[in-house]
Amino acid sequence: MDRPLFGLAALASILTLPLAAHADTIDDFLLTGGGHTISYSYPATSTFPQVEYIYTGASATIDGISGYPLTAAYNSNPGPFITLQLYVPEAIFGYPMLQFQGPQLVNTVLVPADPFDPFNPFDLETTFIPGTYSLDGVGVFPGQPEGPDFAYTLSITPETPTAATPEPSSVFLLATGVFVLLGFATIRHNRTKLTH
């Protein structure tokens, strides 16, 4: 194998190995109650501007059918407030939004805003708190039909990290990188022998 091919192989193994080993933590959400089951996933940690409610969007599975767009708002302040607002298909639930009271579902810390804003220099870094929660359905908006007042159960479960241990592709890439380095050493050794 000539030198340019060795260089390309080495570069590919160096660049691809970190990509194969990196994985973001994802949390799975399962909300059950009122004869419905809603499941969706979000990144476990995200950063938002300083607001009372953090809004996240996802594709959800509702009652076994996937592909529903879903927007959820989580209260970033502790206290007896609305914990979760879930914007749902009105054709299925009879309401455009479900609201729930219960314990706080996210931990928040202040981090420097990116980009920096002198009027709002900090953002909220939010991390969902895994666990199983009992939530009480409450009303929707003034002037709109009351939301369901029955109990729901929400489970937040971290997905098992896929990159905690090296997968076969990462091991293969590492081995390729070692062989490329050995190939470089062999070529250099042979060229040194030819010039002496």
Protein backbone atom coordinates (compact mmCIF):
# COMPACT_ATOMS: atom_id res chain seq x y z
CA MET A 1 0.00 0.00 0.00
CA ASP A 2 1.53 3.34 -0.97
CA ARG A 3 1.93 6.36 1.26
CA PRO A 4 -1.15 8.44 0.20
CA LEU A 5 -3.51 5.55 0.90
CA PHE A 6 -1.96 5.02 4.31
CA GLY A 7 -2.44 8.73 5.04
CA LEU A 8 -6.11 8.62 4.08
CA ALA A 9 -6.73 5.51 6.16
CA ALA A 10 -5.00 7.05 9.16
CA LEU A 11 -7.00 10.27 8.88
CA ALA A 12 -10.28 8.34 8.55
CA SER A 13 -9.58 6.23 11.63
CA ILE A 14 -8.58 9.26 13.71
CA LEU A 15 -11.65 11.29 12.75
CA THR A 16 -14.23 8.50 12.83
CA LEU A 17 -13.36 6.91 16.18
CA PRO A 18 -14.49 9.86 18.34
CA LEU A 19 -17.72 10.11 16.35
CA ALA A 20 -18.50 6.44 16.86
CA ALA A 21 -17.81 6.65 20.59
CA HIS A 22 -19.91 9.80 21.26
CA ALA A 23 -23.53 9.56 22.36
CA ASP A 24 -25.88 12.12 23.91
CA THR A 25 -27.98 11.05 26.88
CA ILE A 26 -31.67 10.74 26.01
CA ASP A 27 -34.57 10.41 28.45
CA ASP A 28 -37.70 8.41 27.59
CA PHE A 29 -41.08 9.69 28.82
CA LEU A 30 -44.18 7.55 29.35
CA LEU A 31 -47.41 9.30 30.38
CA THR A 32 -50.47 7.16 31.14
CA GLY A 33 -53.94 8.06 32.33
CA GLY A 34 -57.48 8.75 31.18
CA GLY A 35 -57.37 5.74 28.88
CA HIS A 36 -54.39 7.11 26.93
CA THR A 37 -50.68 6.34 26.72
CA ILE A 38 -48.19 8.89 25.39
CA SER A 39 -44.50 8.11 24.89
CA TYR A 40 -41.74 10.39 23.62
CA SER A 41 -38.04 11.14 24.10
CA TYR A 42 -36.00 14.28 24.79
CA PRO A 43 -32.34 15.06 25.46
CA ALA A 44 -31.73 14.69 29.19
CA THR A 45 -30.02 18.10 29.43
CA SER A 46 -30.72 21.24 27.38
CA THR A 47 -30.11 24.98 27.61
CA PHE A 48 -32.85 27.60 27.29
CA PRO A 49 -33.19 31.37 27.74
CA GLN A 50 -34.30 32.34 31.24
CA VAL A 51 -38.01 31.64 31.11
CA GLU A 52 -40.47 30.15 33.57
CA TYR A 53 -41.41 27.32 31.23
CA ILE A 54 -39.01 25.44 29.01
CA TYR A 55 -40.55 24.29 25.74
CA THR A 56 -39.48 21.15 23.97
CA GLY A 57 -40.79 19.43 20.86
CA ALA A 58 -40.71 15.80 19.82
CA SER A 59 -42.44 13.11 17.84
CA ALA A 60 -44.71 11.07 20.09
CA THR A 61 -46.47 7.74 20.07
CA ILE A 62 -50.05 8.10 21.28
CA ASP A 63 -52.08 4.98 22.04
CA GLY A 64 -49.67 2.86 19.98
CA ILE A 65 -49.66 5.10 16.88
CA SER A 66 -46.39 6.93 16.21
CA GLY A 67 -45.58 10.17 14.44
CA TYR A 68 -47.69 12.71 16.35
CA PRO A 69 -46.01 16.12 16.81
CA LEU A 70 -45.85 16.95 20.49
CA THR A 71 -44.89 20.14 22.34
CA ALA A 72 -44.39 20.09 26.08
CA ALA A 73 -43.64 22.87 28.57
CA TYR A 74 -42.00 22.08 31.90
CA ASN A 75 -42.04 24.50 34.82
CA SER A 76 -38.48 25.47 35.70
CA ASN A 77 -39.47 26.91 39.10
CA PRO A 78 -40.29 24.75 42.14
CA GLY A 79 -43.60 25.31 43.87
CA PRO A 80 -47.31 24.49 43.61
CA PHE A 81 -47.56 25.54 39.95
CA ILE A 82 -48.46 23.78 36.74
CA THR A 83 -45.71 21.19 36.39
CA LEU A 84 -46.33 20.12 32.81
CA GLN A 85 -48.28 21.52 29.87
CA LEU A 86 -48.72 19.08 27.00
CA TYR A 87 -50.07 20.27 23.65
CA VAL A 88 -51.92 17.27 22.22
CA PRO A 89 -54.13 16.44 19.21
CA GLU A 90 -57.59 17.76 20.11
CA ALA A 91 -59.23 15.09 17.95
CA ILE A 92 -57.89 12.39 20.28
CA PHE A 93 -58.17 14.04 23.71
CA GLY A 94 -61.00 16.52 23.23
CA TYR A 95 -58.68 19.30 24.47
CA PRO A 96 -55.87 21.20 22.71
CA MET A 97 -53.68 21.03 25.79
CA LEU A 98 -53.42 19.00 28.97
CA GLN A 99 -52.09 20.63 32.15
CA PHE A 100 -50.77 18.79 35.17
CA GLN A 101 -49.83 19.69 38.72
CA GLY A 102 -47.25 17.70 40.60
CA PRO A 103 -43.60 17.72 41.63
CA GLN A 104 -40.97 19.57 39.65
CA LEU A 105 -39.64 17.43 36.78
CA VAL A 106 -36.44 19.37 35.99
CA ASN A 107 -33.40 20.65 37.83
CA THR A 108 -32.11 24.01 36.60
CA VAL A 109 -28.82 25.88 36.96
CA LEU A 110 -27.74 29.24 35.54
CA VAL A 111 -25.03 29.19 32.87
CA PRO A 112 -23.52 32.08 30.88
CA ALA A 113 -25.74 33.01 27.94
CA ASP A 114 -24.52 32.01 24.51
CA PRO A 115 -24.36 34.39 22.73
CA PHE A 116 -23.80 36.86 25.57
CA ASP A 117 -26.69 39.26 26.18
CA PRO A 118 -26.03 42.16 28.60
CA PHE A 119 -29.75 42.36 29.41
CA ASN A 120 -30.07 38.63 30.07
CA PRO A 121 -26.53 37.32 30.73
CA PHE A 122 -27.60 33.83 31.86
CA ASP A 123 -29.42 30.88 30.36
CA LEU A 124 -31.04 27.95 32.16
CA GLU A 125 -29.39 24.57 31.84
CA THR A 126 -32.15 22.07 32.59
CA THR A 127 -31.82 18.38 33.37
CA PHE A 128 -34.83 16.09 33.71
CA ILE A 129 -35.11 14.19 37.00
CA PRO A 130 -35.62 10.47 36.32
CA GLY A 131 -38.38 8.78 38.29
CA THR A 132 -42.08 7.96 38.37
CA TYR A 133 -44.46 10.79 39.21
CA SER A 134 -48.15 11.09 40.04
CA LEU A 135 -49.66 14.08 38.24
CA ASP A 136 -53.12 15.60 38.63
CA GLY A 137 -54.90 16.91 35.56
CA VAL A 138 -56.15 20.50 35.89
CA GLY A 139 -57.99 23.01 33.71
CA VAL A 140 -56.72 24.24 30.37
CA PHE A 141 -57.24 27.99 29.83
CA PRO A 142 -59.95 30.41 31.06
CA GLY A 143 -62.84 30.35 28.60
CA GLN A 144 -61.88 26.91 27.24
CA PRO A 145 -63.28 23.54 28.29
CA GLU A 146 -61.90 22.18 31.52
CA GLY A 147 -59.14 19.66 31.13
CA PRO A 148 -59.34 16.16 32.55
CA ASP A 149 -59.24 16.08 36.34
CA PHE A 150 -58.10 12.48 36.70
CA ALA A 151 -54.66 11.30 37.71
CA TYR A 152 -51.85 10.51 35.30
CA THR A 153 -48.56 8.72 35.88
CA LEU A 154 -45.37 9.98 34.25
CA SER A 155 -42.19 7.91 34.11
CA ILE A 156 -38.89 9.50 33.06
CA THR A 157 -36.27 6.87 32.30
CA PRO A 158 -32.73 7.47 30.99
CA GLU A 159 -31.92 5.42 27.91
CA THR A 160 -28.99 3.05 28.31
CA PRO A 161 -25.95 4.85 26.88
CA THR A 162 -24.89 3.08 23.70
CA ALA A 163 -21.31 4.32 23.87
CA ALA A 164 -20.47 3.29 27.46
CA THR A 165 -18.42 0.38 26.10
CA PRO A 166 -16.64 0.26 22.74
CA GLU A 167 -18.86 -1.23 20.06
CA PRO A 168 -17.38 -3.52 17.35
CA SER A 169 -17.08 -0.68 14.82
CA SER A 170 -15.00 1.39 17.25
CA VAL A 171 -12.72 -1.55 18.00
CA PHE A 172 -12.33 -2.14 14.25
CA LEU A 173 -11.43 1.53 13.68
CA LEU A 174 -8.89 1.44 16.48
CA ALA A 175 -7.31 -1.70 15.03
CA THR A 176 -7.23 -0.06 11.59
CA GLY A 177 -5.40 2.93 13.05
CA VAL A 178 -2.80 0.65 14.68
CA PHE A 179 -2.23 -1.21 11.40
CA VAL A 180 -1.84 2.09 9.54
CA LEU A 181 0.80 3.22 11.99
CA LEU A 182 2.60 -0.11 11.58
CA GLY A 183 2.42 0.36 7.81
CA PHE A 184 3.99 3.81 8.10
CA ALA A 185 6.79 2.37 10.21
CA THR A 186 7.42 -0.42 7.68
CA ILE A 187 7.54 1.98 4.73
CA ARG A 188 9.91 4.29 6.55
CA HIS A 189 12.12 1.38 7.57
CA ASN A 190 12.26 0.06 3.97
CA ARG A 191 13.09 3.49 2.56
CA THR A 192 15.83 3.93 5.15
CA LYS A 193 17.35 0.56 4.13
CA LEU A 194 17.26 1.53 0.42
CA THR A 195 19.10 4.82 0.98
CA HIS A 196 21.94 3.20 2.98
